[in-house]
């Protein structure tokens, strides 16, 4: 497991720094002047990498020498994993273009090509996935208990070489960082973040780092960055960055220092060490020679160091004087422009005062007009209130009428439904009455035919004799039988017609008696009267029924 306890703003080469100044960024040993140097022409420099800040140049230039060991003839394309790469691709600026570099960090810095690492998880790569795996200035930002896992993971994913560098926990290095921190606080008013993390996590011990490798006896160790020069040039670079930012003079000074300063010096204390493990013995032997060649046999040169510092300070002093002169001249020009603008403003203010006087007079007129308008508005408001009150009353009356209209419409609908029901019943009764009348008429015609027949006339004397006989006398003759038939037919017809009309509901006896006074005077059955005479006379039988229709 690889529990990477890195802080995003301090991984790798300390790429991001903050400052107490809100306008001038502080970019000393953790700044990247080389990025801007790509757009600046340094004609006298053969190597643009020399313009990088000295501490960055010490690390990555020596890393380039170690990785160049793998770039022999016929080696082809190589892969390099840069763990803790940070937001800017510094490794790509130094190592051979023969390497395809995969950057990995706990943050992506808005760059999706950076592989995000999860703290507490192994590196998300297969075994031996890369030719080289490096971690430059990362180990000191990992908690002490998690550092061995980082070394083992780097060796697991690398095929040919594993390279790690970090500051070492010695009394000299701790004191140098303390002095640098004090200087930073004095200049910027705040501490340096990566130094705070160094104190919190503790700097690695060189022997411990070697023991964390898979084969400690084959690990190579190289000292890097003589401590006195590291402290002097970082302090000077920090002061310049706080006061002037990144500038051509600073890059030229860095190029002069980098062109002469060795990676290591015999007999001197150093700020950091490189730890390397090569799979090939031949590569390991070559790396050992590279390490020896990078170590200067000369002891520390105080005179050279002082000379370089004085040169830098005098150059920066001259730049400060030139900048101050430019600022004074700019201020004088600005004051002249302000005086001219002030004169123009005075004239403009005088003209504005006159115009304001005219506007005051106009304003008085507007106030009077507004007063009159306000009075008119009050009257209109009163009329509007009265109109609203009248409208509300009218709306109330209209609502009452709407309710009454709704009630009337409901009653009318109910009456109309009843009338339609009664009309249907009357139509049915009328149809039955017409049927009864038709049958009665047919029977009357049959009766008239019988009464006017020759046989009826011939039997008339017989009927008179029969009527004169006592009741119950039986005449055993055809004529008597015929008379009985006639009476039976009449009785049957009258009973049938009576029943049909009574059941039809179209005959109102009370109304019929009141409608026709002769019926009332007769004291007889109104329906019998209708069947005998009223129907023939087309008299009405009901207040809702007219016989003539």
Protein backbone atom coordinates (compact mmCIF):
# COMPACT_ATOMS: atom_id res chain seq x y z
CA UNK A 1 0.00 0.00 0.00
CA UNK A 2 1.16 3.53 -0.78
CA UNK A 3 -0.42 6.03 1.64
CA UNK A 4 0.65 9.24 -0.07
CA UNK A 5 0.16 11.96 2.53
CA UNK A 6 1.18 14.80 0.19
CA UNK A 7 -0.26 18.28 0.24
CA UNK A 8 -1.17 19.46 -3.22
CA UNK A 9 0.58 22.81 -2.92
CA UNK A 10 3.89 21.29 -1.75
CA UNK A 11 4.42 18.20 -3.89
CA UNK A 12 7.41 17.63 -6.15
CA UNK A 13 9.53 20.70 -6.65
CA UNK A 14 7.42 23.10 -4.49
CA UNK A 15 5.80 24.58 -7.57
CA UNK A 16 3.23 26.83 -5.94
CA UNK A 17 4.05 29.46 -3.36
CA UNK A 18 1.98 32.15 -1.71
CA UNK A 19 3.10 35.55 -0.48
CA UNK A 20 1.97 38.29 1.85
CA UNK A 21 1.92 40.65 -1.13
CA UNK A 22 -1.30 40.57 -3.13
CA UNK A 23 0.29 41.98 -6.28
CA UNK A 24 3.80 40.50 -6.51
CA UNK A 25 3.98 36.66 -6.45
CA UNK A 26 6.90 35.08 -4.60
CA UNK A 27 8.59 32.50 -6.83
CA UNK A 28 12.10 31.76 -5.48
CA UNK A 29 13.31 28.13 -5.27
CA UNK A 30 9.74 26.96 -5.87
CA UNK A 31 9.17 29.37 -8.79
CA UNK A 32 9.51 28.31 -12.42
CA UNK A 33 11.33 31.08 -14.28
CA UNK A 34 12.24 28.58 -16.99
CA UNK A 35 8.64 28.55 -18.15
CA UNK A 36 8.80 32.23 -18.91
CA UNK A 37 12.37 31.87 -20.14
CA UNK A 38 10.98 29.92 -23.09
CA UNK A 39 9.57 33.20 -24.43
CA UNK A 40 12.66 35.28 -23.52
CA UNK A 41 15.73 35.33 -25.73
CA UNK A 42 19.00 34.83 -23.85
CA UNK A 43 21.39 35.18 -26.75
CA UNK A 44 24.53 34.57 -24.70
CA UNK A 45 23.18 31.32 -23.20
CA UNK A 46 23.69 28.05 -24.99
CA UNK A 47 21.31 26.21 -22.70
CA UNK A 48 17.97 27.76 -21.77
CA UNK A 49 17.81 25.50 -18.73
CA UNK A 50 20.57 27.54 -17.11
CA UNK A 51 18.05 30.38 -16.59
CA UNK A 52 16.05 28.34 -14.08
CA UNK A 53 16.26 29.18 -10.39
CA UNK A 54 19.47 27.59 -9.02
CA UNK A 55 17.86 25.12 -6.63
CA UNK A 56 15.55 23.78 -9.40
CA UNK A 57 18.49 23.57 -11.79
CA UNK A 58 20.54 21.59 -9.22
CA UNK A 59 17.82 18.95 -8.88
CA UNK A 60 16.56 18.47 -12.39
CA UNK A 61 19.82 18.93 -14.27
CA UNK A 62 21.40 16.17 -12.16
CA UNK A 63 18.24 14.03 -12.72
CA UNK A 64 18.74 14.50 -16.46
CA UNK A 65 22.32 13.19 -16.22
CA UNK A 66 21.13 10.07 -14.40
CA UNK A 67 18.27 9.34 -16.85
CA UNK A 68 20.57 9.93 -19.85
CA UNK A 69 22.35 6.71 -18.83
CA UNK A 70 19.34 4.78 -20.20
CA UNK A 71 19.31 6.67 -23.51
CA UNK A 72 22.06 4.65 -25.18
CA UNK A 73 22.20 3.71 -28.84
CA UNK A 74 19.26 1.60 -29.95
CA UNK A 75 17.34 2.04 -26.71
CA UNK A 76 14.35 3.55 -28.53
CA UNK A 77 11.48 5.28 -26.78
CA UNK A 78 11.47 5.17 -22.98
CA UNK A 79 8.82 5.81 -20.34
CA UNK A 80 9.21 7.79 -17.11
CA UNK A 81 6.74 8.06 -14.20
CA UNK A 82 7.01 11.41 -12.38
CA UNK A 83 5.33 10.98 -8.97
CA UNK A 84 4.53 14.30 -7.29
CA UNK A 85 4.98 16.19 -10.56
CA UNK A 86 2.99 19.22 -9.43
CA UNK A 87 1.16 21.60 -11.76
CA UNK A 88 4.09 22.40 -14.10
CA UNK A 89 6.04 19.85 -16.18
CA UNK A 90 9.56 20.70 -15.00
CA UNK A 91 10.89 17.18 -15.62
CA UNK A 92 10.03 17.45 -19.32
CA UNK A 93 12.12 20.63 -19.55
CA UNK A 94 15.28 18.79 -18.42
CA UNK A 95 15.23 15.09 -19.33
CA UNK A 96 15.80 13.75 -22.85
CA UNK A 97 12.87 14.01 -25.30
CA UNK A 98 13.41 10.27 -25.78
CA UNK A 99 11.28 9.82 -22.61
CA UNK A 100 7.50 9.72 -22.66
CA UNK A 101 6.61 11.17 -19.24
CA UNK A 102 3.52 10.21 -17.24
CA UNK A 103 2.79 12.71 -14.49
CA UNK A 104 1.01 11.62 -11.29
CA UNK A 105 -0.01 13.56 -8.19
CA UNK A 106 -2.69 13.71 -5.51
CA UNK A 107 -4.19 16.68 -7.40
CA UNK A 108 -4.71 17.26 -11.12
CA UNK A 109 -4.36 21.07 -11.07
CA UNK A 110 -7.08 21.40 -13.78
CA UNK A 111 -4.98 19.14 -16.05
CA UNK A 112 -6.76 15.86 -16.91
CA UNK A 113 -3.53 14.33 -18.27
CA UNK A 114 -2.14 14.12 -14.70
CA UNK A 115 -2.98 10.75 -13.12
CA UNK A 116 -4.71 11.33 -9.79
CA UNK A 117 -3.22 9.34 -6.91
CA UNK A 118 -5.34 8.31 -3.96
CA UNK A 119 -3.68 8.66 -0.53
CA UNK A 120 -3.49 5.28 1.16
CA UNK A 121 -3.77 3.37 -2.15
CA UNK A 122 -1.07 1.67 -4.31
CA UNK A 123 0.11 3.39 -7.47
CA UNK A 124 -2.51 2.64 -10.14
CA UNK A 125 -0.04 1.00 -12.55
CA UNK A 126 1.04 -2.53 -13.41
CA UNK A 127 4.34 -3.99 -12.25
CA UNK A 128 7.32 -2.80 -14.34
CA UNK A 129 5.05 -0.45 -16.29
CA UNK A 130 7.78 2.21 -16.74
CA UNK A 131 11.48 2.28 -17.54
CA UNK A 132 12.12 4.85 -14.82
CA UNK A 133 10.09 5.99 -11.76
CA UNK A 134 11.18 9.21 -10.03
CA UNK A 135 10.03 11.21 -6.98
CA UNK A 136 11.81 14.57 -6.80
CA UNK A 137 11.50 16.34 -3.42
CA UNK A 138 8.44 14.28 -2.44
CA UNK A 139 9.59 11.98 0.35
CA UNK A 140 9.87 14.77 2.95
CA UNK A 141 6.19 15.67 2.41
CA UNK A 142 5.03 12.12 3.20
CA UNK A 143 4.40 11.10 6.84
CA UNK A 144 7.34 9.13 8.28
CA UNK A 145 5.46 5.84 8.63
CA UNK A 146 4.37 5.89 4.97
CA UNK A 147 7.75 6.60 3.34
CA UNK A 148 8.92 2.98 2.97
CA UNK A 149 5.75 2.13 1.02
CA UNK A 150 6.47 4.96 -1.41
CA UNK A 151 9.98 3.61 -2.19
CA UNK A 152 8.67 0.05 -2.64
CA UNK A 153 5.85 1.20 -4.96
CA UNK A 154 8.28 3.20 -7.11
CA UNK A 155 10.51 0.12 -7.50
CA UNK A 156 7.49 -2.09 -8.24
CA UNK A 157 6.36 -0.06 -11.26
CA UNK A 158 9.87 0.59 -12.71
CA UNK A 159 11.83 -1.77 -14.98
CA UNK A 160 15.28 -0.18 -15.19
CA UNK A 161 15.75 2.53 -12.57
CA UNK A 162 14.24 4.20 -9.51
CA UNK A 163 15.43 7.70 -8.58
CA UNK A 164 14.47 9.63 -5.44
CA UNK A 165 15.85 12.86 -4.00
CA UNK A 166 15.08 14.78 -0.83
CA UNK A 167 16.71 17.05 1.79
CA UNK A 168 18.46 15.09 4.54
CA UNK A 169 17.91 15.32 8.28
CA UNK A 170 21.22 16.75 9.49
CA UNK A 171 21.90 19.53 11.96
CA UNK A 172 23.36 21.68 9.18
CA UNK A 173 20.32 21.26 6.89
CA UNK A 174 17.83 21.91 9.70
CA UNK A 175 19.70 25.07 10.67
CA UNK A 176 19.89 26.25 7.04
CA UNK A 177 16.12 25.80 6.64
CA UNK A 178 15.55 27.68 9.93
CA UNK A 179 17.63 30.62 8.69
CA UNK A 180 15.87 30.60 5.32
CA UNK A 181 12.48 30.57 7.08
CA UNK A 182 13.49 33.52 9.28
CA UNK A 183 14.60 35.47 6.22
CA UNK A 184 11.33 34.70 4.43
CA UNK A 185 9.30 35.92 7.40
CA UNK A 186 11.35 39.12 7.59
CA UNK A 187 10.91 39.84 3.87
CA UNK A 188 7.33 38.69 3.20
CA UNK A 189 5.78 38.66 6.67
CA UNK A 190 4.97 34.95 6.57
CA UNK A 191 6.59 31.53 6.68
CA UNK A 192 7.29 29.32 3.67
CA UNK A 193 4.74 26.50 3.35
CA UNK A 194 7.08 23.72 2.26
CA UNK A 195 9.44 24.47 5.18
CA UNK A 196 6.48 24.24 7.57
CA UNK A 197 5.74 20.76 6.18
CA UNK A 198 9.38 19.78 6.58
CA UNK A 199 9.19 20.62 10.26
CA UNK A 200 5.85 18.85 10.71
CA UNK A 201 6.85 15.60 8.96
CA UNK A 202 10.55 15.63 9.74
CA UNK A 203 13.30 15.35 7.12
CA UNK A 204 14.26 11.81 6.02
CA UNK A 205 17.36 10.11 7.38
CA UNK A 206 19.79 9.03 4.64
CA UNK A 207 20.42 5.57 6.12
CA UNK A 208 16.68 4.96 6.48
CA UNK A 209 16.04 5.87 2.85
CA UNK A 210 18.71 3.41 1.67
CA UNK A 211 17.20 0.67 3.85
CA UNK A 212 13.80 1.08 2.21
CA UNK A 213 15.12 -0.02 -1.19
CA UNK A 214 14.62 -3.64 -2.26
CA UNK A 215 18.41 -4.22 -2.33
CA UNK A 216 19.92 -1.56 -0.06
CA UNK A 217 23.47 -2.69 -0.77
CA UNK A 218 23.11 -1.84 -4.47
CA UNK A 219 21.53 1.59 -3.94
CA UNK A 220 23.63 4.56 -5.07
CA UNK A 221 23.71 7.81 -3.07
CA UNK A 222 24.78 11.18 -4.49
CA UNK A 223 25.08 14.45 -2.58
CA UNK A 224 23.51 17.49 -4.25
CA UNK A 225 23.40 21.28 -3.68
CA UNK A 226 26.26 22.49 -1.43
CA UNK A 227 24.49 23.88 1.62
CA UNK A 228 26.14 27.33 1.85
CA UNK A 229 25.44 28.05 -1.80
CA UNK A 230 21.90 26.67 -1.49
CA UNK A 231 21.11 29.03 1.40
CA UNK A 232 22.81 32.10 -0.10
CA UNK A 233 21.30 31.83 -3.58
CA UNK A 234 17.81 30.91 -2.31
CA UNK A 235 17.72 33.85 0.09
CA UNK A 236 18.91 36.22 -2.64
CA UNK A 237 16.43 34.80 -5.12
CA UNK A 238 13.60 35.06 -2.57
CA UNK A 239 14.34 38.71 -1.82
CA UNK A 240 14.49 39.58 -5.51
CA UNK A 241 11.20 37.74 -6.23
CA UNK A 242 9.44 39.59 -3.42
CA UNK A 243 10.66 43.00 -4.60
CA UNK A 244 10.76 42.66 -8.40
CA UNK A 245 9.11 39.37 -9.37
CA UNK A 246 10.51 37.28 -12.22
CA UNK A 247 12.73 39.45 -14.44
CA UNK A 248 15.41 39.15 -17.10
CA UNK A 249 18.13 40.27 -14.67
CA UNK A 250 17.18 37.50 -12.23
CA UNK A 251 17.37 34.89 -14.97
CA UNK A 252 20.76 36.15 -16.12
CA UNK A 253 22.04 35.97 -12.57
CA UNK A 254 20.65 32.41 -12.24
CA UNK A 255 22.33 31.44 -15.54
CA UNK A 256 25.69 32.78 -14.33
CA UNK A 257 25.42 30.86 -11.06
CA UNK A 258 24.23 27.62 -12.69
CA UNK A 259 27.02 27.72 -15.28
CA UNK A 260 29.69 27.66 -12.53
CA UNK A 261 28.17 26.05 -9.43
CA UNK A 262 28.93 22.31 -9.11
CA UNK A 263 26.27 19.75 -8.16
CA UNK A 264 28.40 18.62 -5.23
CA UNK A 265 31.62 19.70 -3.55
CA UNK A 266 34.14 17.57 -1.70
CA UNK A 267 34.26 18.28 2.03
CA UNK A 268 31.12 20.47 2.04
CA UNK A 269 27.73 19.93 3.67
CA UNK A 270 24.89 19.43 1.17
CA UNK A 271 21.19 20.17 1.26
CA UNK A 272 19.86 17.03 -0.45
CA UNK A 273 20.86 13.58 -1.63
CA UNK A 274 19.84 11.46 -4.61
CA UNK A 275 19.10 7.76 -4.05
CA UNK A 276 19.23 5.54 -7.16
CA UNK A 277 18.66 1.87 -7.93
CA UNK A 278 19.48 0.51 -11.41
CA UNK A 279 18.45 -2.97 -12.54
CA UNK A 280 21.42 -3.29 -14.89
CA UNK A 281 24.89 -3.53 -13.32
CA UNK A 282 26.30 -1.72 -16.36
CA UNK A 283 23.88 1.15 -15.84
CA UNK A 284 24.71 1.20 -12.13
CA UNK A 285 28.45 1.43 -12.91
CA UNK A 286 27.81 4.27 -15.35
CA UNK A 287 25.67 6.05 -12.73
CA UNK A 288 28.48 5.73 -10.21
CA UNK A 289 30.86 7.42 -12.64
CA UNK A 290 28.32 10.19 -13.30
CA UNK A 291 28.01 10.79 -9.55
CA UNK A 292 31.77 11.00 -9.15
CA UNK A 293 32.10 13.35 -12.12
CA UNK A 294 29.47 15.68 -10.71
CA UNK A 295 31.42 16.11 -7.44
CA UNK A 296 33.90 18.98 -7.57
CA UNK A 297 37.24 18.10 -5.98
CA UNK A 298 37.83 21.72 -5.03
CA UNK A 299 36.83 22.80 -1.53
CA UNK A 300 34.36 25.59 -0.99
CA UNK A 301 35.36 28.87 -2.60
CA UNK A 302 34.16 31.67 -0.30
CA UNK A 303 35.63 34.34 -2.55
CA UNK A 304 33.66 33.05 -5.56
CA UNK A 305 30.51 32.81 -3.52
CA UNK A 306 30.91 36.35 -2.18
CA UNK A 307 31.76 37.63 -5.67
CA UNK A 308 28.61 36.10 -7.12
CA UNK A 309 26.47 37.47 -4.30
CA UNK A 310 27.95 40.96 -4.63
CA UNK A 311 27.47 40.82 -8.38
CA UNK A 312 23.85 39.88 -7.92
CA UNK A 313 23.22 42.51 -5.27
CA UNK A 314 24.90 45.27 -7.33
CA UNK A 315 22.93 44.25 -10.40
CA UNK A 316 19.70 44.29 -8.49
CA UNK A 317 20.64 47.64 -6.90
CA UNK A 318 21.19 49.12 -10.36
CA UNK A 319 17.88 47.70 -11.52
CA UNK A 320 16.17 49.11 -8.44
CA UNK A 321 17.66 52.57 -9.14
CA UNK A 322 16.62 52.39 -12.79
CA UNK A 323 13.18 51.23 -11.80
CA UNK A 324 12.92 54.04 -9.23
CA UNK A 325 14.02 56.58 -11.85
CA UNK A 326 11.39 55.27 -14.27
CA UNK A 327 8.77 55.39 -11.56
CA UNK A 328 9.72 59.01 -10.63
CA UNK A 329 9.57 60.07 -14.27
CA UNK A 330 6.27 58.30 -14.66
CA UNK A 331 4.98 60.03 -11.52
CA UNK A 332 6.06 63.45 -12.86
CA UNK A 333 4.31 62.77 -16.13
CA UNK A 334 1.26 61.63 -14.26
CA UNK A 335 1.29 64.75 -12.07
CA UNK A 336 1.47 66.94 -15.18
CA UNK A 337 -1.44 65.08 -16.67
CA UNK A 338 -3.36 65.43 -13.41
CA UNK A 339 -2.69 69.22 -13.29
CA UNK A 340 -3.92 69.61 -16.88
CA UNK A 341 -6.96 67.53 -16.06
CA UNK A 342 -7.54 69.60 -12.91
CA UNK A 343 -7.53 72.85 -14.90
CA UNK A 344 -9.95 71.35 -17.38
CA UNK A 345 -12.14 70.17 -14.52
CA UNK A 346 -12.17 73.67 -12.95
CA UNK A 347 -13.43 75.17 -16.21
CA UNK A 348 -15.93 72.40 -16.55
CA UNK A 349 -17.11 72.93 -12.96
CA UNK A 350 -17.68 76.67 -13.64
CA UNK A 351 -19.76 75.85 -16.70
CA UNK A 352 -21.63 73.22 -14.72
CA UNK A 353 -22.38 75.74 -11.94
CA UNK A 354 -24.00 78.09 -14.46
CA UNK A 355 -25.96 75.25 -15.92
CA UNK A 356 -27.02 74.16 -12.44
CA UNK A 357 -28.37 77.69 -11.77
CA UNK A 358 -30.56 77.41 -14.88
CA UNK A 359 -31.66 73.99 -13.81
CA UNK A 360 -32.62 75.36 -10.36
CA UNK A 361 -34.94 77.91 -12.00
CA UNK A 362 -36.44 75.22 -14.16
CA UNK A 363 -36.83 73.04 -11.11
CA UNK A 364 -38.87 75.69 -9.30
CA UNK A 365 -41.26 75.79 -12.26
CA UNK A 366 -41.46 72.04 -12.24
CA UNK A 367 -42.27 72.05 -8.52
CA UNK A 368 -45.21 74.47 -9.05
CA UNK A 369 -46.49 72.38 -11.94
CA UNK A 370 -46.13 69.25 -9.87
CA UNK A 371 -48.14 70.87 -7.03
CA UNK A 372 -51.00 71.61 -9.42
CA UNK A 373 -50.81 68.10 -10.83
CA UNK A 374 -50.91 66.67 -7.34
CA UNK A 375 -54.15 68.57 -6.60
CA UNK A 376 -55.68 67.23 -9.83
CA UNK A 377 -54.54 63.76 -8.91
CA UNK A 378 -56.22 64.01 -5.50
CA UNK A 379 -59.51 64.97 -7.14
CA UNK A 380 -59.19 62.12 -9.59
CA UNK A 381 -58.42 59.76 -6.72
CA UNK A 382 -61.62 60.87 -4.98
CA UNK A 383 -63.69 60.38 -8.15
CA UNK A 384 -62.05 57.03 -8.65
CA UNK A 385 -62.92 55.96 -5.08
CA UNK A 386 -66.58 56.95 -5.62
CA UNK A 387 -66.67 55.13 -8.94
CA UNK A 388 -65.18 52.04 -7.31
CA UNK A 389 -67.80 52.17 -4.54
CA UNK A 390 -70.63 52.47 -7.10
CA UNK A 391 -69.15 49.65 -9.12
CA UNK A 392 -69.00 47.45 -6.02
CA UNK A 393 -72.69 48.12 -5.31
CA UNK A 394 -73.59 47.36 -8.92
CA UNK A 395 -71.57 44.16 -8.75
CA UNK A 396 -73.47 43.14 -5.58
CA UNK A 397 -76.84 43.75 -7.23
CA UNK A 398 -75.70 41.91 -10.33
CA UNK A 399 -74.65 38.96 -8.18
CA UNK A 400 -78.14 38.86 -6.58
CA UNK A 401 -79.80 38.98 -9.98
CA UNK A 402 -77.51 36.25 -11.25
CA UNK A 403 -78.52 34.08 -8.30
CA UNK A 404 -82.23 34.77 -8.94
CA UNK A 405 -81.79 34.07 -12.64
CA UNK A 406 -80.09 30.80 -11.85
CA UNK A 407 -82.99 29.86 -9.55
CA UNK A 408 -85.57 30.75 -12.24
CA UNK A 409 -83.68 28.80 -14.84
CA UNK A 410 -83.69 25.76 -12.56
CA UNK A 411 -87.47 26.11 -11.96
CA UNK A 412 -88.13 26.59 -15.65
CA UNK A 413 -86.12 23.50 -16.46
CA UNK A 414 -88.11 21.52 -13.90
CA UNK A 415 -91.47 22.82 -15.29
CA UNK A 416 -90.36 22.13 -18.84
CA UNK A 417 -89.45 18.57 -17.87
CA UNK A 418 -92.89 18.09 -16.25
CA UNK A 419 -94.67 19.57 -19.29
CA UNK A 420 -92.74 17.29 -21.60
CA UNK A 421 -93.65 14.29 -19.40
CA UNK A 422 -97.36 15.34 -19.39
CA UNK A 423 -97.30 15.93 -23.13
CA UNK A 424 -95.91 12.44 -23.65
CA UNK A 425 -98.63 10.92 -21.46
CA UNK A 426 -101.36 12.96 -23.23
CA UNK A 427 -100.07 11.90 -26.62
CA UNK A 428 -100.24 8.25 -25.57
CA UNK A 429 -103.76 8.68 -24.12
CA UNK A 430 -104.89 10.56 -27.22
CA UNK A 431 -103.65 7.70 -29.35
CA UNK A 432 -105.66 5.22 -27.27
CA UNK A 433 -108.75 7.45 -27.44
CA UNK A 434 -108.50 7.75 -31.18
CA UNK A 435 -108.25 3.97 -31.39
CA UNK A 436 -111.38 3.61 -29.20
CA UNK A 437 -113.20 6.24 -31.24
CA UNK A 438 -112.25 4.47 -34.46
CA UNK A 439 -113.55 1.17 -33.14
CA UNK A 440 -116.71 2.82 -31.77
CA UNK A 441 -117.33 4.47 -35.12
CA UNK A 442 -116.91 1.15 -36.84
CA UNK A 443 -119.40 -0.47 -34.49
CA UNK A 444 -121.84 2.45 -35.00
CA UNK A 445 -121.63 2.02 -38.73
CA UNK A 446 -122.22 -1.69 -38.32
CA UNK A 447 -125.17 -0.94 -36.05
CA UNK A 448 -126.57 1.57 -38.54
CA UNK A 449 -126.17 -0.94 -41.30
CA UNK A 450 -128.08 -3.47 -39.25
CA UNK A 451 -130.76 -0.94 -38.29
CA UNK A 452 -131.24 0.15 -41.86
CA UNK A 453 -131.23 -3.34 -43.22
CA UNK A 454 -134.34 -4.84 -44.71
CA UNK A 455 -134.43 -7.66 -42.17
CA UNK A 456 -134.40 -5.16 -39.32
CA UNK A 457 -137.33 -3.29 -40.77
CA UNK A 458 -139.26 -6.51 -41.41
CA UNK A 459 -138.74 -7.61 -37.80
CA UNK A 460 -139.82 -4.30 -36.31
CA UNK A 461 -143.37 -5.50 -35.45
CA UNK A 462 -141.92 -8.53 -33.80
CA UNK A 463 -139.69 -6.41 -31.65
CA UNK A 464 -142.56 -4.25 -30.52
CA UNK A 465 -144.53 -7.32 -29.55
CA UNK A 466 -141.58 -8.64 -27.66
CA UNK A 467 -141.11 -5.41 -25.78
CA UNK A 468 -144.74 -5.55 -24.73
CA UNK A 469 -144.40 -9.01 -23.30
CA UNK A 470 -143.58 -9.53 -19.62
CA UNK A 471 -139.92 -9.79 -18.65
CA UNK A 472 -138.64 -13.30 -18.86
CA UNK A 473 -140.90 -14.36 -21.72
CA UNK A 474 -139.00 -16.47 -24.24
CA UNK A 475 -139.95 -16.25 -27.89
CA UNK A 476 -138.74 -19.19 -29.71
CA UNK A 477 -138.34 -17.59 -33.06
CA UNK A 478 -135.40 -16.26 -35.17
CA UNK A 479 -136.54 -12.71 -34.84
CA UNK A 480 -136.28 -12.83 -31.05
CA UNK A 481 -132.83 -14.20 -31.25
CA UNK A 482 -131.80 -11.37 -33.56
CA UNK A 483 -133.06 -8.75 -31.13
CA UNK A 484 -131.07 -10.34 -28.33
CA UNK A 485 -127.96 -10.22 -30.40
CA UNK A 486 -128.48 -6.52 -31.07
CA UNK A 487 -128.83 -5.69 -27.41
CA UNK A 488 -125.80 -7.74 -26.48
CA UNK A 489 -123.69 -5.94 -29.08
CA UNK A 490 -124.76 -2.52 -27.80
CA UNK A 491 -124.03 -3.38 -24.17
CA UNK A 492 -120.69 -4.89 -24.99
CA UNK A 493 -119.64 -1.92 -27.11
CA UNK A 494 -120.69 0.64 -24.52
CA UNK A 495 -118.89 -1.15 -21.68
CA UNK A 496 -115.69 -1.48 -23.71
CA UNK A 497 -115.71 2.16 -24.78
CA UNK A 498 -116.42 3.33 -21.24
CA UNK A 499 -113.54 1.37 -19.80
CA UNK A 500 -111.08 2.47 -22.44
CA UNK A 501 -111.87 6.18 -22.10
CA UNK A 502 -111.86 6.03 -18.31
CA UNK A 503 -108.45 4.34 -18.25
CA UNK A 504 -106.90 6.69 -20.82
CA UNK A 505 -106.68 9.64 -18.43
CA UNK A 506 -107.89 11.96 -21.20
CA UNK A 507 -111.38 12.34 -19.76
CA UNK A 508 -111.78 14.74 -16.80
CA UNK A 509 -115.40 14.19 -15.61
CA UNK A 510 -115.44 17.24 -13.28
CA UNK A 511 -114.01 19.55 -15.92
CA UNK A 512 -116.42 18.09 -18.57
CA UNK A 513 -119.45 18.77 -16.35
CA UNK A 514 -118.25 22.37 -15.64
CA UNK A 515 -117.40 22.96 -19.29
CA UNK A 516 -120.80 21.87 -20.59
CA UNK A 517 -123.72 23.00 -18.32
CA UNK A 518 -126.27 20.74 -20.06
CA UNK A 519 -124.33 17.75 -18.78
CA UNK A 520 -124.45 19.14 -15.24
CA UNK A 521 -128.16 19.68 -15.38
CA UNK A 522 -128.79 16.11 -16.54
CA UNK A 523 -127.20 14.67 -13.39
CA UNK A 524 -126.05 11.74 -15.49
CA UNK A 525 -122.68 10.12 -15.93
CA UNK A 526 -120.49 12.62 -17.94
CA UNK A 527 -118.60 9.79 -19.64
CA UNK A 528 -121.81 8.08 -20.74
CA UNK A 529 -122.95 11.43 -22.15
CA UNK A 530 -119.69 11.79 -24.04
CA UNK A 531 -119.91 8.27 -25.49
CA UNK A 532 -123.50 8.77 -26.62
CA UNK A 533 -123.42 12.41 -27.76
CA UNK A 534 -120.25 14.33 -26.85
CA UNK A 535 -117.95 12.36 -29.10
CA UNK A 536 -120.25 12.82 -32.08
CA UNK A 537 -120.47 16.54 -31.29
CA UNK A 538 -116.59 16.74 -30.97
CA UNK A 539 -116.77 18.04 -27.44
CA UNK A 540 -113.45 18.41 -25.48
CA UNK A 541 -112.73 15.82 -22.74
CA UNK A 542 -109.84 17.54 -20.86
CA UNK A 543 -108.45 21.05 -20.36
CA UNK A 544 -105.27 19.98 -22.21
CA UNK A 545 -107.05 18.19 -25.05
CA UNK A 546 -109.06 19.70 -27.91
CA UNK A 547 -111.08 17.16 -29.91
CA UNK A 548 -111.19 19.23 -33.09
CA UNK A 549 -107.43 18.75 -33.52
